[in-house]
Amino acid sequence: MATGISTTTTSRAAIPVKPIAFLTPKLTTTSLAAAPTLPLRPRGRLLKIRRNTLSTVCLVVEDSKSGVGDEEVVIATAEAEEIPTTVSRTAERAAKRKSERFTYLVAAVMSSLGITSMAVMAVYYRFSWQMEGGDVPYAEMCGTFALAFGAAVGMEYWARWAHRALWHASLWNMHESHHRPRDGPFELNDVFAIINAVPAIALLAFGFFNKGLLPGLCFGAGLGITVFGMAYMFVHDGLVHRRFPVGPIDGVPYFRRVAAAHQLHHSDKFNGVPYGLFLGTKELEEVGGLEELEREINRRRRLPKN
């Protein structure tokens, strides 16, 4: 803060001046006696000069930080201009995410309906074709459905082993895309779904076009792999990672625990455990992660519905 002082002298006539108490020294007898005797005229002339001389003191206050206010105004204006840009970017990201979810939802529904319809038709025509002669192949039918159930359960253990020994090891370059923010509706990790679909289609084709116990078992194995793949897609991609809405599945307590357990896999709090999906809670129980699982379940309850 800089202060400038300017003095202006103005002459005014016949202005009485009263002495100010704290500026005028108090006269005593000693001071009067010691003071030299002055003629009356010069004294009056001196008083006249004091009466006619009026000093005006002007204080000019200058703000040394005058530029700061301008800078603040510029910054505030820039921030105000950035607000619409930020809102626009947020809207663009939301629209992009919505488009990605819709794209993946269409792909998931079409593949699910296509695979389901083909599997149902294949099961129907295979057994109706085998029963044309009047004989019911009970052993083959039981073997087909038993192996279908066994293959669906076995795929959980296969996925757990492959996830730990392959995807997080030699195939990490592909699987890493699943552990990073996704840019677009698909990721490189989706290739594993196609890889698992190849043996399922081969087993279904071999079992569909051939008769006998072995083709029936192969048909059941392909059917079980297909059922597991569809369930995995809806729970893992839809429920856990919210790549598309899953509807009422989100409210089932078992699936909530499955989703929370897999989310802990991505947090890497237990060295990647669980590596499985549907039995992930059992893996967490073995490493003492049930308390953390409950916290994750409560956290996911507060998330907005997808």
C-alpha atoms as a PDB file:
ATOM      1  CA  MET A   1       0.000   0.000   0.000  1.00  0.00           C
ATOM      2  CA  ALA A   2       1.655   3.190  -1.111  1.00  0.00           C
ATOM      3  CA  THR A   3       0.651   6.549   0.376  1.00  0.00           C
ATOM      4  CA  GLY A   4       1.194   9.887  -1.306  1.00  0.00           C
ATOM      5  CA  ILE A   5       0.866  13.222   0.514  1.00  0.00           C
ATOM      6  CA  SER A   6       0.051  16.455  -1.275  1.00  0.00           C
ATOM      7  CA  THR A   7      -0.183  19.858   0.411  1.00  0.00           C
ATOM      8  CA  THR A   8      -2.200  22.774  -0.932  1.00  0.00           C
ATOM      9  CA  THR A   9      -1.896  26.244   0.576  1.00  0.00           C
ATOM     10  CA  THR A  10      -4.990  28.428   0.346  1.00  0.00           C
ATOM     11  CA  SER A  11      -5.182  32.025   1.558  1.00  0.00           C
ATOM     12  CA  ARG A  12      -8.392  33.008   3.263  1.00  0.00           C
ATOM     13  CA  ALA A  13      -9.040  36.317   5.033  1.00  0.00           C
ATOM     14  CA  ALA A  14     -10.576  36.911   8.437  1.00  0.00           C
ATOM     15  CA  ILE A  15     -10.852  33.292   9.473  1.00  0.00           C
ATOM     16  CA  PRO A  16     -10.498  33.045  13.249  1.00  0.00           C
ATOM     17  CA  VAL A  17      -8.178  30.303  14.372  1.00  0.00           C
ATOM     18  CA  LYS A  18      -8.641  28.813  17.798  1.00  0.00           C
ATOM     19  CA  PRO A  19      -5.564  27.271  19.300  1.00  0.00           C
ATOM     20  CA  ILE A  20      -5.782  23.528  19.724  1.00  0.00           C
ATOM     21  CA  ALA A  21      -5.092  22.360  23.232  1.00  0.00           C
ATOM     22  CA  PHE A  22      -2.741  19.500  22.474  1.00  0.00           C
ATOM     23  CA  LEU A  23      -0.810  21.483  19.849  1.00  0.00           C
ATOM     24  CA  THR A  24      -0.391  24.746  21.821  1.00  0.00           C
ATOM     25  CA  PRO A  25       2.110  24.675  24.705  1.00  0.00           C
ATOM     26  CA  LYS A  26       0.737  25.636  28.077  1.00  0.00           C
ATOM     27  CA  LEU A  27       1.990  29.053  29.146  1.00  0.00           C
ATOM     28  CA  THR A  28       3.320  29.418  32.635  1.00  0.00           C
ATOM     29  CA  THR A  29       4.639  32.350  34.590  1.00  0.00           C
ATOM     30  CA  THR A  30       8.186  31.234  34.101  1.00  0.00           C
ATOM     31  CA  SER A  31       7.791  30.940  30.363  1.00  0.00           C
ATOM     32  CA  LEU A  32       6.231  34.381  30.150  1.00  0.00           C
ATOM     33  CA  ALA A  33       8.996  35.901  32.128  1.00  0.00           C
ATOM     34  CA  ALA A  34      11.681  34.209  30.130  1.00  0.00           C
ATOM     35  CA  ALA A  35      10.129  35.030  26.839  1.00  0.00           C
ATOM     36  CA  PRO A  36      11.549  38.099  25.074  1.00  0.00           C
ATOM     37  CA  THR A  37       9.379  41.136  24.811  1.00  0.00           C
ATOM     38  CA  LEU A  38       8.113  41.614  21.284  1.00  0.00           C
ATOM     39  CA  PRO A  39       6.459  44.625  19.871  1.00  0.00           C
ATOM     40  CA  LEU A  40       2.723  44.406  19.550  1.00  0.00           C
ATOM     41  CA  ARG A  41       2.665  45.046  15.831  1.00  0.00           C
ATOM     42  CA  PRO A  42       4.969  42.219  14.732  1.00  0.00           C
ATOM     43  CA  ARG A  43       3.075  39.844  17.011  1.00  0.00           C
ATOM     44  CA  GLY A  44      -0.190  40.828  15.488  1.00  0.00           C
ATOM     45  CA  ARG A  45       1.327  40.468  12.052  1.00  0.00           C
ATOM     46  CA  LEU A  46       2.515  36.961  12.924  1.00  0.00           C
ATOM     47  CA  LEU A  47      -0.917  35.979  14.165  1.00  0.00           C
ATOM     48  CA  LYS A  48      -2.411  37.399  11.009  1.00  0.00           C
ATOM     49  CA  ILE A  49      -0.169  35.226   8.928  1.00  0.00           C
ATOM     50  CA  ARG A  50      -1.227  32.202  10.917  1.00  0.00           C
ATOM     51  CA  ARG A  51      -4.867  33.165  10.531  1.00  0.00           C
ATOM     52  CA  ASN A  52      -4.643  33.736   6.811  1.00  0.00           C
ATOM     53  CA  THR A  53      -2.607  30.621   6.000  1.00  0.00           C
ATOM     54  CA  LEU A  54      -4.596  27.407   5.769  1.00  0.00           C
ATOM     55  CA  SER A  55      -2.846  24.192   4.902  1.00  0.00           C
ATOM     56  CA  THR A  56      -4.839  21.397   3.331  1.00  0.00           C
ATOM     57  CA  VAL A  57      -3.318  17.930   3.499  1.00  0.00           C
ATOM     58  CA  CYS A  58      -4.582  15.373   1.012  1.00  0.00           C
ATOM     59  CA  LEU A  59      -3.783  11.683   1.428  1.00  0.00           C
ATOM     60  CA  VAL A  60      -3.720   9.746  -1.772  1.00  0.00           C
ATOM     61  CA  VAL A  61      -3.990   6.008  -1.140  1.00  0.00           C
ATOM     62  CA  GLU A  62      -2.742   3.766  -3.910  1.00  0.00           C
ATOM     63  CA  ASP A  63      -3.224   0.001  -3.876  1.00  0.00           C
ATOM     64  CA  SER A  64       0.054  -1.623  -4.739  1.00  0.00           C
ATOM     65  CA  LYS A  65      -1.854  -4.788  -5.569  1.00  0.00           C
ATOM     66  CA  SER A  66      -4.094  -3.120  -8.089  1.00  0.00           C
ATOM     67  CA  GLY A  67      -3.293  -5.816 -10.629  1.00  0.00           C
ATOM     68  CA  VAL A  68      -4.449  -8.639  -8.349  1.00  0.00           C
ATOM     69  CA  GLY A  69      -8.073  -7.697  -8.682  1.00  0.00           C
ATOM     70  CA  ASP A  70      -7.805  -7.732 -12.443  1.00  0.00           C
ATOM     71  CA  GLU A  71      -6.153 -11.156 -12.327  1.00  0.00           C
ATOM     72  CA  GLU A  72      -8.908 -12.486 -10.090  1.00  0.00           C
ATOM     73  CA  VAL A  73     -11.534 -11.195 -12.490  1.00  0.00           C
ATOM     74  CA  VAL A  74      -9.729 -12.849 -15.401  1.00  0.00           C
ATOM     75  CA  ILE A  75      -9.448 -16.142 -13.496  1.00  0.00           C
ATOM     76  CA  ALA A  76     -13.100 -16.024 -12.485  1.00  0.00           C
ATOM     77  CA  THR A  77     -14.092 -15.326 -16.070  1.00  0.00           C
ATOM     78  CA  ALA A  78     -11.959 -18.215 -17.324  1.00  0.00           C
ATOM     79  CA  GLU A  79     -13.488 -20.545 -14.749  1.00  0.00           C
ATOM     80  CA  ALA A  80     -16.953 -19.427 -15.758  1.00  0.00           C
ATOM     81  CA  GLU A  81     -16.106 -20.161 -19.377  1.00  0.00           C
ATOM     82  CA  GLU A  82     -14.790 -23.633 -18.436  1.00  0.00           C
ATOM     83  CA  ILE A  83     -18.037 -24.668 -16.703  1.00  0.00           C
ATOM     84  CA  PRO A  84     -20.030 -25.207 -19.941  1.00  0.00           C
ATOM     85  CA  THR A  85     -17.057 -27.080 -21.399  1.00  0.00           C
ATOM     86  CA  THR A  86     -16.891 -29.399 -18.379  1.00  0.00           C
ATOM     87  CA  VAL A  87     -20.637 -30.001 -18.500  1.00  0.00           C
ATOM     88  CA  SER A  88     -20.376 -30.726 -22.212  1.00  0.00           C
ATOM     89  CA  ARG A  89     -17.559 -33.227 -21.686  1.00  0.00           C
ATOM     90  CA  THR A  90     -19.496 -34.948 -18.903  1.00  0.00           C
ATOM     91  CA  ALA A  91     -22.539 -35.205 -21.145  1.00  0.00           C
ATOM     92  CA  GLU A  92     -20.391 -36.603 -23.960  1.00  0.00           C
ATOM     93  CA  ARG A  93     -18.900 -39.258 -21.664  1.00  0.00           C
ATOM     94  CA  ALA A  94     -22.349 -40.216 -20.381  1.00  0.00           C
ATOM     95  CA  ALA A  95     -23.696 -40.478 -23.929  1.00  0.00           C
ATOM     96  CA  LYS A  96     -20.674 -42.524 -25.002  1.00  0.00           C
ATOM     97  CA  ARG A  97     -21.056 -44.885 -22.053  1.00  0.00           C
ATOM     98  CA  LYS A  98     -24.770 -45.270 -22.777  1.00  0.00           C
ATOM     99  CA  SER A  99     -24.013 -46.076 -26.410  1.00  0.00           C
ATOM    100  CA  GLU A 100     -21.382 -48.632 -25.400  1.00  0.00           C
ATOM    101  CA  ARG A 101     -23.775 -50.313 -22.963  1.00  0.00           C
ATOM    102  CA  PHE A 102     -26.487 -50.461 -25.606  1.00  0.00           C
ATOM    103  CA  THR A 103     -24.100 -51.935 -28.173  1.00  0.00           C
ATOM    104  CA  TYR A 104     -22.931 -54.645 -25.799  1.00  0.00           C
ATOM    105  CA  LEU A 105     -26.520 -55.302 -24.673  1.00  0.00           C
ATOM    106  CA  VAL A 106     -27.621 -55.881 -28.274  1.00  0.00           C
ATOM    107  CA  ALA A 107     -24.682 -58.219 -28.836  1.00  0.00           C
ATOM    108  CA  ALA A 108     -25.365 -60.091 -25.581  1.00  0.00           C
ATOM    109  CA  VAL A 109     -29.098 -60.494 -26.237  1.00  0.00           C
ATOM    110  CA  MET A 110     -28.638 -61.560 -29.838  1.00  0.00           C
ATOM    111  CA  SER A 111     -25.952 -64.085 -28.988  1.00  0.00           C
ATOM    112  CA  SER A 112     -27.924 -65.382 -26.012  1.00  0.00           C
ATOM    113  CA  LEU A 113     -31.150 -65.773 -27.962  1.00  0.00           C
ATOM    114  CA  GLY A 114     -29.321 -67.289 -30.905  1.00  0.00           C
ATOM    115  CA  ILE A 115     -27.346 -69.769 -28.817  1.00  0.00           C
ATOM    116  CA  THR A 116     -30.332 -70.640 -26.624  1.00  0.00           C
ATOM    117  CA  SER A 117     -32.650 -71.223 -29.555  1.00  0.00           C
ATOM    118  CA  MET A 118     -30.056 -73.331 -31.373  1.00  0.00           C
ATOM    119  CA  ALA A 119     -29.332 -75.370 -28.231  1.00  0.00           C
ATOM    120  CA  VAL A 120     -33.039 -76.035 -27.596  1.00  0.00           C
ATOM    121  CA  MET A 121     -33.657 -76.993 -31.211  1.00  0.00           C
ATOM    122  CA  ALA A 122     -30.570 -79.182 -31.249  1.00  0.00           C
ATOM    123  CA  VAL A 123     -31.670 -81.056 -28.102  1.00  0.00           C
ATOM    124  CA  TYR A 124     -35.205 -81.515 -29.446  1.00  0.00           C
ATOM    125  CA  TYR A 125     -34.240 -82.721 -32.908  1.00  0.00           C
ATOM    126  CA  ARG A 126     -31.450 -84.937 -31.644  1.00  0.00           C
ATOM    127  CA  PHE A 127     -33.646 -86.942 -29.304  1.00  0.00           C
ATOM    128  CA  SER A 128     -36.663 -86.951 -31.622  1.00  0.00           C
ATOM    129  CA  TRP A 129     -34.390 -88.224 -34.402  1.00  0.00           C
ATOM    130  CA  GLN A 130     -32.959 -90.939 -32.169  1.00  0.00           C
ATOM    131  CA  MET A 131     -36.426 -92.083 -31.099  1.00  0.00           C
ATOM    132  CA  GLU A 132     -37.779 -92.490 -34.625  1.00  0.00           C
ATOM    133  CA  GLY A 133     -37.450 -96.268 -34.457  1.00  0.00           C
ATOM    134  CA  GLY A 134     -39.564 -96.473 -31.320  1.00  0.00           C
ATOM    135  CA  ASP A 135     -36.741 -97.245 -28.928  1.00  0.00           C
ATOM    136  CA  VAL A 136     -35.936 -94.627 -26.268  1.00  0.00           C
ATOM    137  CA  PRO A 137     -32.174 -94.353 -25.641  1.00  0.00           C
ATOM    138  CA  TYR A 138     -32.447 -93.835 -21.863  1.00  0.00           C
ATOM    139  CA  ALA A 139     -28.776 -94.355 -21.183  1.00  0.00           C
ATOM    140  CA  GLU A 140     -27.764 -91.869 -23.815  1.00  0.00           C
ATOM    141  CA  MET A 141     -30.302 -89.301 -22.662  1.00  0.00           C
ATOM    142  CA  CYS A 142     -29.254 -89.625 -19.014  1.00  0.00           C
ATOM    143  CA  GLY A 143     -25.610 -89.416 -20.002  1.00  0.00           C
ATOM    144  CA  THR A 144     -26.269 -86.288 -22.072  1.00  0.00           C
ATOM    145  CA  PHE A 145     -28.024 -84.382 -19.295  1.00  0.00           C
ATOM    146  CA  ALA A 146     -25.638 -85.618 -16.602  1.00  0.00           C
ATOM    147  CA  LEU A 147     -22.611 -84.498 -18.573  1.00  0.00           C
ATOM    148  CA  ALA A 148     -24.322 -81.193 -19.380  1.00  0.00           C
ATOM    149  CA  PHE A 149     -24.633 -80.494 -15.646  1.00  0.00           C
ATOM    150  CA  GLY A 150     -21.120 -81.781 -14.971  1.00  0.00           C
ATOM    151  CA  ALA A 151     -19.621 -79.664 -17.743  1.00  0.00           C
ATOM    152  CA  ALA A 152     -21.333 -76.527 -16.427  1.00  0.00           C
ATOM    153  CA  VAL A 153     -19.915 -77.117 -12.930  1.00  0.00           C
ATOM    154  CA  GLY A 154     -16.542 -78.211 -14.272  1.00  0.00           C
ATOM    155  CA  MET A 155     -16.235 -75.013 -16.284  1.00  0.00           C
ATOM    156  CA  GLU A 156     -16.146 -73.074 -13.001  1.00  0.00           C
ATOM    157  CA  TYR A 157     -13.047 -74.989 -11.904  1.00  0.00           C
ATOM    158  CA  TRP A 158     -11.537 -74.754 -15.375  1.00  0.00           C
ATOM    159  CA  ALA A 159     -12.116 -70.994 -15.421  1.00  0.00           C
ATOM    160  CA  ARG A 160     -10.554 -70.682 -11.957  1.00  0.00           C
ATOM    161  CA  TRP A 161      -7.440 -72.585 -12.977  1.00  0.00           C
ATOM    162  CA  ALA A 162      -7.103 -70.845 -16.347  1.00  0.00           C
ATOM    163  CA  HIS A 163      -7.654 -67.466 -14.738  1.00  0.00           C
ATOM    164  CA  ARG A 164      -4.799 -68.012 -12.303  1.00  0.00           C
ATOM    165  CA  ALA A 165      -2.348 -70.062 -14.373  1.00  0.00           C
ATOM    166  CA  LEU A 166      -2.911 -68.587 -17.841  1.00  0.00           C
ATOM    167  CA  TRP A 167      -4.746 -65.284 -17.896  1.00  0.00           C
ATOM    168  CA  HIS A 168      -2.676 -63.767 -15.086  1.00  0.00           C
ATOM    169  CA  ALA A 169       0.517 -65.347 -16.410  1.00  0.00           C
ATOM    170  CA  SER A 170       1.390 -66.070 -20.033  1.00  0.00           C
ATOM    171  CA  LEU A 171      -1.845 -64.558 -21.413  1.00  0.00           C
ATOM    172  CA  TRP A 172      -1.723 -61.406 -19.300  1.00  0.00           C
ATOM    173  CA  ASN A 173      -1.171 -59.219 -22.386  1.00  0.00           C
ATOM    174  CA  MET A 174      -4.709 -60.070 -23.465  1.00  0.00           C
ATOM    175  CA  HIS A 175      -6.332 -60.266 -20.052  1.00  0.00           C
ATOM    176  CA  GLU A 176      -4.826 -56.954 -18.933  1.00  0.00           C
ATOM    177  CA  SER A 177      -7.457 -55.100 -20.969  1.00  0.00           C
ATOM    178  CA  HIS A 178     -10.044 -56.393 -18.503  1.00  0.00           C
ATOM    179  CA  HIS A 179      -8.228 -54.806 -15.549  1.00  0.00           C
ATOM    180  CA  ARG A 180      -7.933 -51.361 -17.148  1.00  0.00           C
ATOM    181  CA  PRO A 181     -10.588 -48.740 -17.980  1.00  0.00           C
ATOM    182  CA  ARG A 182     -12.376 -49.851 -21.133  1.00  0.00           C
ATOM    183  CA  ASP A 183     -12.447 -47.571 -24.173  1.00  0.00           C
ATOM    184  CA  GLY A 184     -15.348 -48.753 -26.294  1.00  0.00           C
ATOM    185  CA  PRO A 185     -18.006 -51.446 -25.941  1.00  0.00           C
ATOM    186  CA  PHE A 186     -15.534 -54.335 -26.274  1.00  0.00           C
ATOM    187  CA  GLU A 187     -12.115 -55.265 -24.944  1.00  0.00           C
ATOM    188  CA  LEU A 188      -9.367 -57.652 -25.971  1.00  0.00           C
ATOM    189  CA  ASN A 189     -10.276 -59.965 -23.088  1.00  0.00           C
ATOM    190  CA  ASP A 190     -13.561 -60.798 -24.885  1.00  0.00           C
ATOM    191  CA  VAL A 191     -11.544 -63.038 -27.193  1.00  0.00           C
ATOM    192  CA  PHE A 192     -11.503 -65.659 -24.424  1.00  0.00           C
ATOM    193  CA  ALA A 193     -15.273 -66.034 -24.770  1.00  0.00           C
ATOM    194  CA  ILE A 194     -14.828 -66.879 -28.453  1.00  0.00           C
ATOM    195  CA  ILE A 195     -12.009 -69.301 -27.634  1.00  0.00           C
ATOM    196  CA  ASN A 196     -14.235 -71.152 -25.155  1.00  0.00           C
ATOM    197  CA  ALA A 197     -17.093 -71.211 -27.662  1.00  0.00           C
ATOM    198  CA  VAL A 198     -15.055 -73.117 -30.247  1.00  0.00           C
ATOM    199  CA  PRO A 199     -14.886 -76.476 -28.358  1.00  0.00           C
ATOM    200  CA  ALA A 200     -18.523 -76.082 -27.286  1.00  0.00           C
ATOM    201  CA  ILE A 201     -19.677 -75.734 -30.893  1.00  0.00           C
ATOM    202  CA  ALA A 202     -17.477 -78.629 -31.991  1.00  0.00           C
ATOM    203  CA  LEU A 203     -18.863 -80.940 -29.284  1.00  0.00           C
ATOM    204  CA  LEU A 204     -22.452 -79.945 -30.056  1.00  0.00           C
ATOM    205  CA  ALA A 205     -21.968 -80.530 -33.777  1.00  0.00           C
ATOM    206  CA  PHE A 206     -20.373 -83.945 -33.257  1.00  0.00           C
ATOM    207  CA  GLY A 207     -23.099 -85.053 -30.873  1.00  0.00           C
ATOM    208  CA  PHE A 208     -25.893 -83.718 -33.042  1.00  0.00           C
ATOM    209  CA  PHE A 209     -24.917 -85.497 -36.252  1.00  0.00           C
ATOM    210  CA  ASN A 210     -24.007 -88.874 -34.702  1.00  0.00           C
ATOM    211  CA  LYS A 211     -25.814 -91.518 -32.699  1.00  0.00           C
ATOM    212  CA  GLY A 212     -24.531 -93.440 -29.746  1.00  0.00           C
ATOM    213  CA  LEU A 213     -23.425 -92.942 -26.160  1.00  0.00           C
ATOM    214  CA  LEU A 214     -20.185 -91.129 -26.939  1.00  0.00           C
ATOM    215  CA  PRO A 215     -21.822 -88.584 -29.249  1.00  0.00           C
ATOM    216  CA  GLY A 216     -24.506 -88.118 -26.601  1.00  0.00           C
ATOM    217  CA  LEU A 217     -21.876 -87.394 -23.959  1.00  0.00           C
ATOM    218  CA  CYS A 218     -20.124 -84.952 -26.267  1.00  0.00           C
ATOM    219  CA  PHE A 219     -23.423 -83.247 -26.981  1.00  0.00           C
ATOM    220  CA  GLY A 220     -24.036 -82.901 -23.253  1.00  0.00           C
ATOM    221  CA  ALA A 221     -20.566 -81.490 -22.670  1.00  0.00           C
ATOM    222  CA  GLY A 222     -21.052 -78.879 -25.369  1.00  0.00           C
ATOM    223  CA  LEU A 223     -24.450 -78.013 -23.920  1.00  0.00           C
ATOM    224  CA  GLY A 224     -22.984 -77.551 -20.430  1.00  0.00           C
ATOM    225  CA  ILE A 225     -20.200 -75.291 -21.682  1.00  0.00           C
ATOM    226  CA  THR A 226     -22.778 -73.194 -23.514  1.00  0.00           C
ATOM    227  CA  VAL A 227     -24.994 -72.805 -20.431  1.00  0.00           C
ATOM    228  CA  PHE A 228     -21.997 -71.807 -18.306  1.00  0.00           C
ATOM    229  CA  GLY A 229     -20.869 -69.250 -20.887  1.00  0.00           C
ATOM    230  CA  MET A 230     -24.269 -67.584 -20.972  1.00  0.00           C
ATOM    231  CA  ALA A 231     -24.529 -67.479 -17.176  1.00  0.00           C
ATOM    232  CA  TYR A 232     -20.965 -66.134 -16.964  1.00  0.00           C
ATOM    233  CA  MET A 233     -21.757 -63.359 -19.424  1.00  0.00           C
ATOM    234  CA  PHE A 234     -24.842 -62.152 -17.556  1.00  0.00           C
ATOM    235  CA  VAL A 235     -23.291 -62.315 -14.074  1.00  0.00           C
ATOM    236  CA  HIS A 236     -19.721 -61.242 -14.863  1.00  0.00           C
ATOM    237  CA  ASP A 237     -20.244 -58.712 -17.649  1.00  0.00           C
ATOM    238  CA  GLY A 238     -23.720 -57.509 -16.728  1.00  0.00           C
ATOM    239  CA  LEU A 239     -23.963 -57.691 -12.951  1.00  0.00           C
ATOM    240  CA  VAL A 240     -20.347 -57.213 -11.849  1.00  0.00           C
ATOM    241  CA  HIS A 241     -18.965 -54.829 -14.479  1.00  0.00           C
ATOM    242  CA  ARG A 242     -22.302 -53.275 -15.505  1.00  0.00           C
ATOM    243  CA  ARG A 243     -21.673 -53.512 -19.213  1.00  0.00           C
ATOM    244  CA  PHE A 244     -25.434 -53.897 -19.699  1.00  0.00           C
ATOM    245  CA  PRO A 245     -28.489 -53.916 -17.386  1.00  0.00           C
ATOM    246  CA  VAL A 246     -29.420 -57.275 -15.877  1.00  0.00           C
ATOM    247  CA  GLY A 247     -32.780 -56.440 -14.329  1.00  0.00           C
ATOM    248  CA  PRO A 248     -33.915 -58.458 -11.296  1.00  0.00           C
ATOM    249  CA  ILE A 249     -30.690 -60.501 -11.110  1.00  0.00           C
ATOM    250  CA  ASP A 250     -29.174 -57.602  -9.170  1.00  0.00           C
ATOM    251  CA  GLY A 251     -31.589 -58.204  -6.290  1.00  0.00           C
ATOM    252  CA  VAL A 252     -30.778 -61.894  -5.738  1.00  0.00           C
ATOM    253  CA  PRO A 253     -28.629 -62.220  -2.547  1.00  0.00           C
ATOM    254  CA  TYR A 254     -26.479 -65.034  -3.971  1.00  0.00           C
ATOM    255  CA  PHE A 255     -25.606 -63.055  -7.078  1.00  0.00           C
ATOM    256  CA  ARG A 256     -24.834 -60.016  -4.927  1.00  0.00           C
ATOM    257  CA  ARG A 257     -22.240 -62.053  -3.056  1.00  0.00           C
ATOM    258  CA  VAL A 258     -20.815 -63.389  -6.321  1.00  0.00           C
ATOM    259  CA  ALA A 259     -20.510 -59.864  -7.733  1.00  0.00           C
ATOM    260  CA  ALA A 260     -18.872 -58.523  -4.559  1.00  0.00           C
ATOM    261  CA  ALA A 261     -16.413 -61.430  -4.457  1.00  0.00           C
ATOM    262  CA  HIS A 262     -15.322 -60.847  -8.034  1.00  0.00           C
ATOM    263  CA  GLN A 263     -14.946 -57.134  -7.345  1.00  0.00           C
ATOM    264  CA  LEU A 264     -12.433 -58.035  -4.631  1.00  0.00           C
ATOM    265  CA  HIS A 265     -10.473 -59.909  -7.295  1.00  0.00           C
ATOM    266  CA  HIS A 266     -10.067 -56.622  -9.149  1.00  0.00           C
ATOM    267  CA  SER A 267      -9.031 -54.826  -5.956  1.00  0.00           C
ATOM    268  CA  ASP A 268      -6.145 -57.312  -5.522  1.00  0.00           C
ATOM    269  CA  LYS A 269      -6.548 -57.299  -1.728  1.00  0.00           C
ATOM    270  CA  PHE A 270      -5.956 -61.058  -1.440  1.00  0.00           C
ATOM    271  CA  ASN A 271      -3.346 -61.509  -4.169  1.00  0.00           C
ATOM    272  CA  GLY A 272      -6.000 -61.888  -6.850  1.00  0.00           C
ATOM    273  CA  VAL A 273      -8.262 -64.297  -4.950  1.00  0.00           C
ATOM    274  CA  PRO A 274     -10.920 -65.226  -5.942  1.00  0.00           C
ATOM    275  CA  TYR A 275     -10.072 -66.369  -9.454  1.00  0.00           C
ATOM    276  CA  GLY A 276     -13.343 -68.220  -9.906  1.00  0.00           C
ATOM    277  CA  LEU A 277     -16.754 -66.578 -10.284  1.00  0.00           C
ATOM    278  CA  PHE A 278     -19.699 -68.596  -9.002  1.00  0.00           C
ATOM    279  CA  LEU A 279     -17.682 -70.207  -6.187  1.00  0.00           C
ATOM    280  CA  GLY A 280     -15.602 -67.131  -5.467  1.00  0.00           C
ATOM    281  CA  THR A 281     -17.027 -66.765  -1.967  1.00  0.00           C
ATOM    282  CA  LYS A 282     -15.585 -70.185  -1.066  1.00  0.00           C
ATOM    283  CA  GLU A 283     -12.136 -69.017  -2.148  1.00  0.00           C
ATOM    284  CA  LEU A 284     -12.460 -65.905   0.017  1.00  0.00           C
ATOM    285  CA  GLU A 285     -13.503 -68.017   2.962  1.00  0.00           C
ATOM    286  CA  GLU A 286     -10.307 -70.051   2.610  1.00  0.00           C
ATOM    287  CA  VAL A 287      -8.119 -66.914   2.794  1.00  0.00           C
ATOM    288  CA  GLY A 288     -10.130 -65.198   5.552  1.00  0.00           C
ATOM    289  CA  GLY A 289     -11.758 -62.572   3.363  1.00  0.00           C
ATOM    290  CA  LEU A 290     -15.396 -62.867   4.453  1.00  0.00           C
ATOM    291  CA  GLU A 291     -15.296 -59.663   6.496  1.00  0.00           C
ATOM    292  CA  GLU A 292     -14.003 -57.726   3.521  1.00  0.00           C
ATOM    293  CA  LEU A 293     -16.645 -59.434   1.391  1.00  0.00           C
ATOM    294  CA  GLU A 294     -19.430 -58.090   3.621  1.00  0.00           C
ATOM    295  CA  ARG A 295     -18.011 -54.578   3.373  1.00  0.00           C
ATOM    296  CA  GLU A 296     -17.947 -54.847  -0.404  1.00  0.00           C
ATOM    297  CA  ILE A 297     -21.546 -56.082  -0.454  1.00  0.00           C
ATOM    298  CA  ASN A 298     -22.635 -53.069   1.612  1.00  0.00           C
ATOM    299  CA  ARG A 299     -20.708 -50.743  -0.684  1.00  0.00           C
ATOM    300  CA  ARG A 300     -22.355 -52.188  -3.789  1.00  0.00           C
ATOM    301  CA  ARG A 301     -25.793 -51.757  -2.214  1.00  0.00           C
ATOM    302  CA  ARG A 302     -25.248 -47.999  -2.251  1.00  0.00           C
ATOM    303  CA  LEU A 303     -24.388 -47.949  -5.946  1.00  0.00           C
ATOM    304  CA  PRO A 304     -27.042 -46.598  -8.333  1.00  0.00           C
ATOM    305  CA  LYS A 305     -29.044 -49.134 -10.272  1.00  0.00           C
ATOM    306  CA  ASN A 306     -27.624 -49.790 -13.706  1.00  0.00           C
END
